[in-house]
């Protein structure tokens, strides 16, 4: 069976950092991913909450297929679709409100991605974190059914309701070079659990990174273990995700 590999970024390929811009990429990662992509006949994509442009910066000079912003935007080969901020006027109109709601809260960060917005409180005190979470929940509720709130590790993100990593993986899986292959998805967060459900339902293999409860079928302990596995696959080890430890 040929596999198609779908990889989350933060907490999967790289360690979680105190702030999004402090992520550090292992110098061996990009060359290994390029070798592995060749070995897979091109069927390797990054599936992330980050914008495509940010992934490109972290993984330069390589350009991979990417489903960014949880699938709001997508690049397959040279074709890019979705992700334009101007397509989301209701969300854009509430960004100032969100900034005002968290003003004065220590170590709370708003990450404006254009077509989505995330509020991070990893470094905040418990009381400030509670207020930040309440603020993003309130704005999400005001936006109604066209958007949804996605909670992760010390972050709440407002995204278009139609955007999910599972839908992104399913969409890529219908296109060459992914079509006809068994999907394998690695992820680490609450935001990845719905994608695990989609991959499982479609007969693929889901791999949870870390010790949290999961519906994934396989598990690895941390991003270092993920990188070690991918480096081995890139250099000729058998690609056997079914042999990974059960979740």
Protein backbone atom coordinates (compact mmCIF):
# COMPACT_ATOMS: atom_id res chain seq x y z
CA UNK A 1 0.00 0.00 0.00
CA UNK A 2 1.31 3.45 -0.94
CA UNK A 3 0.92 6.12 1.71
CA UNK A 4 0.14 9.84 1.61
CA UNK A 5 1.68 11.72 4.53
CA UNK A 6 -0.06 14.69 6.19
CA UNK A 7 1.87 16.48 8.94
CA UNK A 8 0.81 19.05 11.51
CA UNK A 9 3.54 21.61 12.27
CA UNK A 10 3.53 23.00 15.84
CA UNK A 11 3.88 20.27 18.45
CA UNK A 12 4.42 17.66 15.74
CA UNK A 13 7.35 18.61 13.52
CA UNK A 14 8.62 21.26 15.95
CA UNK A 15 8.33 21.77 19.69
CA UNK A 16 5.69 24.17 21.01
CA UNK A 17 7.26 27.56 21.76
CA UNK A 18 6.20 30.22 24.28
CA UNK A 19 5.05 32.42 21.37
CA UNK A 20 4.35 31.41 17.76
CA UNK A 21 7.32 33.30 16.32
CA UNK A 22 9.81 31.62 18.68
CA UNK A 23 9.52 28.18 17.06
CA UNK A 24 12.86 26.65 16.12
CA UNK A 25 13.18 24.26 13.17
CA UNK A 26 15.74 21.46 13.39
CA UNK A 27 18.32 22.07 10.63
CA UNK A 28 17.92 18.50 9.38
CA UNK A 29 14.12 18.73 9.06
CA UNK A 30 13.68 20.44 5.70
CA UNK A 31 16.22 18.32 3.76
CA UNK A 32 14.70 15.17 5.26
CA UNK A 33 11.17 16.22 4.31
CA UNK A 34 12.34 16.93 0.78
CA UNK A 35 13.90 13.47 0.51
CA UNK A 36 10.82 11.86 1.96
CA UNK A 37 8.55 13.76 -0.43
CA UNK A 38 10.54 12.34 -3.34
CA UNK A 39 10.31 8.84 -1.88
CA UNK A 40 6.51 9.24 -1.55
CA UNK A 41 6.13 10.44 -5.14
CA UNK A 42 5.20 13.92 -3.95
CA UNK A 43 2.47 12.81 -1.51
CA UNK A 44 3.57 14.86 1.52
CA UNK A 45 1.71 17.90 2.81
CA UNK A 46 1.74 20.16 5.86
CA UNK A 47 -1.72 20.54 7.48
CA UNK A 48 -1.65 23.38 9.99
CA UNK A 49 -3.35 26.27 11.65
CA UNK A 50 -0.55 28.51 10.41
CA UNK A 51 -0.84 30.54 7.20
CA UNK A 52 0.96 29.10 4.18
CA UNK A 53 3.33 32.08 4.08
CA UNK A 54 4.46 31.44 7.66
CA UNK A 55 5.11 27.76 6.95
CA UNK A 56 7.13 28.81 3.91
CA UNK A 57 9.25 31.08 6.09
CA UNK A 58 9.94 28.33 8.62
CA UNK A 59 10.67 25.67 5.99
CA UNK A 60 12.56 27.85 3.48
CA UNK A 61 13.79 27.37 0.85
CA UNK A 62 11.50 24.35 0.32
CA UNK A 63 7.90 24.80 -0.80
CA UNK A 64 5.61 21.97 0.25
CA UNK A 65 1.95 21.36 -0.39
CA UNK A 66 0.17 23.06 2.51
CA UNK A 67 -3.34 23.22 3.92
CA UNK A 68 -3.09 26.38 6.00
CA UNK A 69 -5.40 28.05 8.52
CA UNK A 70 -7.00 24.66 9.25
CA UNK A 71 -7.87 24.31 5.57
CA UNK A 72 -9.08 27.84 4.85
CA UNK A 73 -6.23 28.15 2.34
CA UNK A 74 -4.55 25.45 0.31
CA UNK A 75 -1.55 25.09 -1.95
CA UNK A 76 -1.30 22.02 -4.16
CA UNK A 77 1.68 22.18 -6.46
CA UNK A 78 1.77 25.76 -7.74
CA UNK A 79 -1.95 26.44 -7.27
CA UNK A 80 -3.03 28.44 -4.20
CA UNK A 81 -6.67 28.96 -3.20
CA UNK A 82 -8.55 30.54 -0.29
CA UNK A 83 -7.32 32.49 2.70
CA UNK A 84 -8.01 36.06 1.56
CA UNK A 85 -8.72 38.35 4.49
CA UNK A 86 -11.11 40.47 2.40
CA UNK A 87 -13.43 37.47 2.10
CA UNK A 88 -14.15 37.69 5.85
CA UNK A 89 -15.49 41.22 6.55
CA UNK A 90 -17.51 40.19 9.63
CA UNK A 91 -14.44 38.69 11.25
CA UNK A 92 -12.25 41.65 10.28
CA UNK A 93 -14.76 44.06 11.82
CA UNK A 94 -14.40 42.38 15.21
CA UNK A 95 -10.61 42.31 15.42
CA UNK A 96 -10.47 45.75 17.15
CA UNK A 97 -13.07 44.54 19.64
CA UNK A 98 -10.92 41.53 20.45
CA UNK A 99 -7.84 43.70 20.95
CA UNK A 100 -9.80 45.96 23.28
CA UNK A 101 -11.09 43.00 25.28
CA UNK A 102 -7.59 41.67 26.07
CA UNK A 103 -5.89 45.06 26.50
CA UNK A 104 -4.02 45.11 29.78
CA UNK A 105 -3.85 41.34 30.11
CA UNK A 106 -0.24 40.30 30.63
CA UNK A 107 1.36 37.90 28.14
CA UNK A 108 -1.81 37.48 26.06
CA UNK A 109 -1.09 37.55 22.35
CA UNK A 110 -3.47 38.06 19.41
CA UNK A 111 -2.29 36.38 16.21
CA UNK A 112 -4.17 37.90 13.27
CA UNK A 113 -3.98 35.49 10.33
CA UNK A 114 -6.28 37.42 8.01
CA UNK A 115 -8.95 34.79 7.46
CA UNK A 116 -8.82 33.66 11.10
CA UNK A 117 -7.64 35.04 14.42
CA UNK A 118 -6.07 33.29 17.41
CA UNK A 119 -5.70 34.39 21.02
CA UNK A 120 -2.76 32.81 22.87
CA UNK A 121 -2.48 32.76 26.68
CA UNK A 122 0.31 30.21 27.28
CA UNK A 123 2.41 32.64 29.34
CA UNK A 124 -0.49 34.42 31.05
CA UNK A 125 -1.49 34.14 34.70
CA UNK A 126 -4.50 31.88 35.35
CA UNK A 127 -6.82 34.85 35.84
CA UNK A 128 -5.64 36.60 32.67
CA UNK A 129 -5.86 33.33 30.75
CA UNK A 130 -9.45 32.92 31.90
CA UNK A 131 -10.33 36.43 30.76
CA UNK A 132 -8.61 35.94 27.40
CA UNK A 133 -10.51 32.72 26.78
CA UNK A 134 -13.77 34.43 27.72
CA UNK A 135 -13.02 37.27 25.30
CA UNK A 136 -12.41 35.04 22.28
CA UNK A 137 -15.45 32.95 23.15
CA UNK A 138 -17.62 36.08 23.27
CA UNK A 139 -16.45 37.31 19.87
CA UNK A 140 -16.94 33.86 18.35
CA UNK A 141 -20.49 33.73 19.71
CA UNK A 142 -21.28 37.13 18.20
CA UNK A 143 -20.11 35.97 14.78
CA UNK A 144 -22.68 33.19 14.71
CA UNK A 145 -22.77 30.06 12.61
CA UNK A 146 -20.45 31.19 9.84
CA UNK A 147 -17.50 30.85 12.23
CA UNK A 148 -16.52 28.50 15.00
CA UNK A 149 -14.22 28.62 18.00
CA UNK A 150 -11.41 26.09 18.02
CA UNK A 151 -9.71 25.58 21.39
CA UNK A 152 -6.20 24.13 21.62
CA UNK A 153 -3.25 24.22 24.00
CA UNK A 154 -3.60 27.64 25.68
CA UNK A 155 -5.13 29.09 22.53
CA UNK A 156 -8.55 29.88 21.14
CA UNK A 157 -8.93 30.48 17.43
CA UNK A 158 -11.89 31.78 15.45
CA UNK A 159 -12.01 30.13 12.03
CA UNK A 160 -14.59 29.84 9.25
CA UNK A 161 -17.03 27.07 10.16
CA UNK A 162 -16.32 25.20 6.95
CA UNK A 163 -12.57 24.96 7.66
CA UNK A 164 -11.34 21.75 9.28
CA UNK A 165 -8.12 19.81 8.94
CA UNK A 166 -10.16 16.68 8.22
CA UNK A 167 -11.87 18.32 5.26
CA UNK A 168 -8.50 19.59 4.05
CA UNK A 169 -6.97 16.12 4.17
CA UNK A 170 -9.98 14.63 2.42
CA UNK A 171 -9.78 17.29 -0.28
CA UNK A 172 -6.08 16.76 -0.89
CA UNK A 173 -6.64 12.99 -0.91
CA UNK A 174 -8.88 13.36 -3.95
CA UNK A 175 -6.10 14.96 -6.00
CA UNK A 176 -2.87 13.62 -7.50
CA UNK A 177 -0.40 12.63 -6.13
CA UNK A 178 -2.45 11.81 -3.02
CA UNK A 179 -5.37 10.05 -4.68
CA UNK A 180 -5.44 6.28 -4.30
CA UNK A 181 -3.07 6.29 -1.33
CA UNK A 182 -3.73 5.56 2.33
CA UNK A 183 -3.70 8.78 4.35
CA UNK A 184 -1.42 9.01 7.39
CA UNK A 185 -1.90 12.08 9.61
CA UNK A 186 0.34 13.16 12.50
CA UNK A 187 -1.05 15.74 14.96
CA UNK A 188 -0.74 16.76 18.59
CA UNK A 189 -3.65 18.93 19.65
CA UNK A 190 -7.37 19.06 20.31
CA UNK A 191 -7.69 20.71 16.91
CA UNK A 192 -6.37 17.51 15.31
CA UNK A 193 -8.90 15.13 16.87
CA UNK A 194 -11.59 15.86 14.27
CA UNK A 195 -9.02 15.23 11.56
CA UNK A 196 -8.17 11.91 13.22
CA UNK A 197 -11.87 11.01 13.02
CA UNK A 198 -11.94 11.78 9.29
CA UNK A 199 -8.74 9.86 8.60
CA UNK A 200 -9.98 6.88 10.62
CA UNK A 201 -13.33 6.88 8.83
CA UNK A 202 -11.56 6.88 5.47
CA UNK A 203 -9.37 3.91 6.38
CA UNK A 204 -6.21 5.89 7.07
CA UNK A 205 -3.81 5.93 10.00
CA UNK A 206 -3.95 8.63 12.68
CA UNK A 207 -0.96 9.34 14.93
CA UNK A 208 -1.28 11.42 18.11
CA UNK A 209 1.83 13.13 19.42
CA UNK A 210 1.98 13.27 23.22
CA UNK A 211 0.19 11.52 26.05
CA UNK A 212 -3.28 13.09 25.88
CA UNK A 213 -6.45 11.06 25.43
CA UNK A 214 -7.17 10.58 21.73
CA UNK A 215 -9.18 8.78 19.08
CA UNK A 216 -6.00 8.33 17.03
CA UNK A 217 -4.95 4.75 16.40
CA UNK A 218 -1.19 5.25 16.90
CA UNK A 219 0.98 7.41 19.16
CA UNK A 220 4.46 8.94 19.39
CA UNK A 221 5.79 10.71 22.46
CA UNK A 222 7.03 14.05 21.17
CA UNK A 223 8.26 15.95 18.10
CA UNK A 224 11.77 14.57 18.54
CA UNK A 225 10.36 11.06 18.08
CA UNK A 226 8.43 12.23 15.02
CA UNK A 227 11.55 13.70 13.47
CA UNK A 228 13.57 10.56 14.17
CA UNK A 229 10.91 8.46 12.45
CA UNK A 230 10.67 10.77 9.43
CA UNK A 231 14.45 10.98 9.09
CA UNK A 232 14.61 7.20 9.01
CA UNK A 233 11.87 7.00 6.38
CA UNK A 234 13.62 9.69 4.34
CA UNK A 235 16.81 7.65 4.35
CA UNK A 236 15.30 4.36 3.26
CA UNK A 237 13.78 2.70 6.33
CA UNK A 238 10.51 0.85 5.60
CA UNK A 239 7.54 3.24 5.68
CA UNK A 240 5.34 1.26 8.05
CA UNK A 241 3.01 3.52 10.05
CA UNK A 242 0.90 0.49 10.98
CA UNK A 243 3.87 -0.66 13.08
CA UNK A 244 3.86 2.44 15.29
CA UNK A 245 2.85 1.99 18.97
CA UNK A 246 -0.92 1.92 19.51
CA UNK A 247 -2.53 4.94 21.13
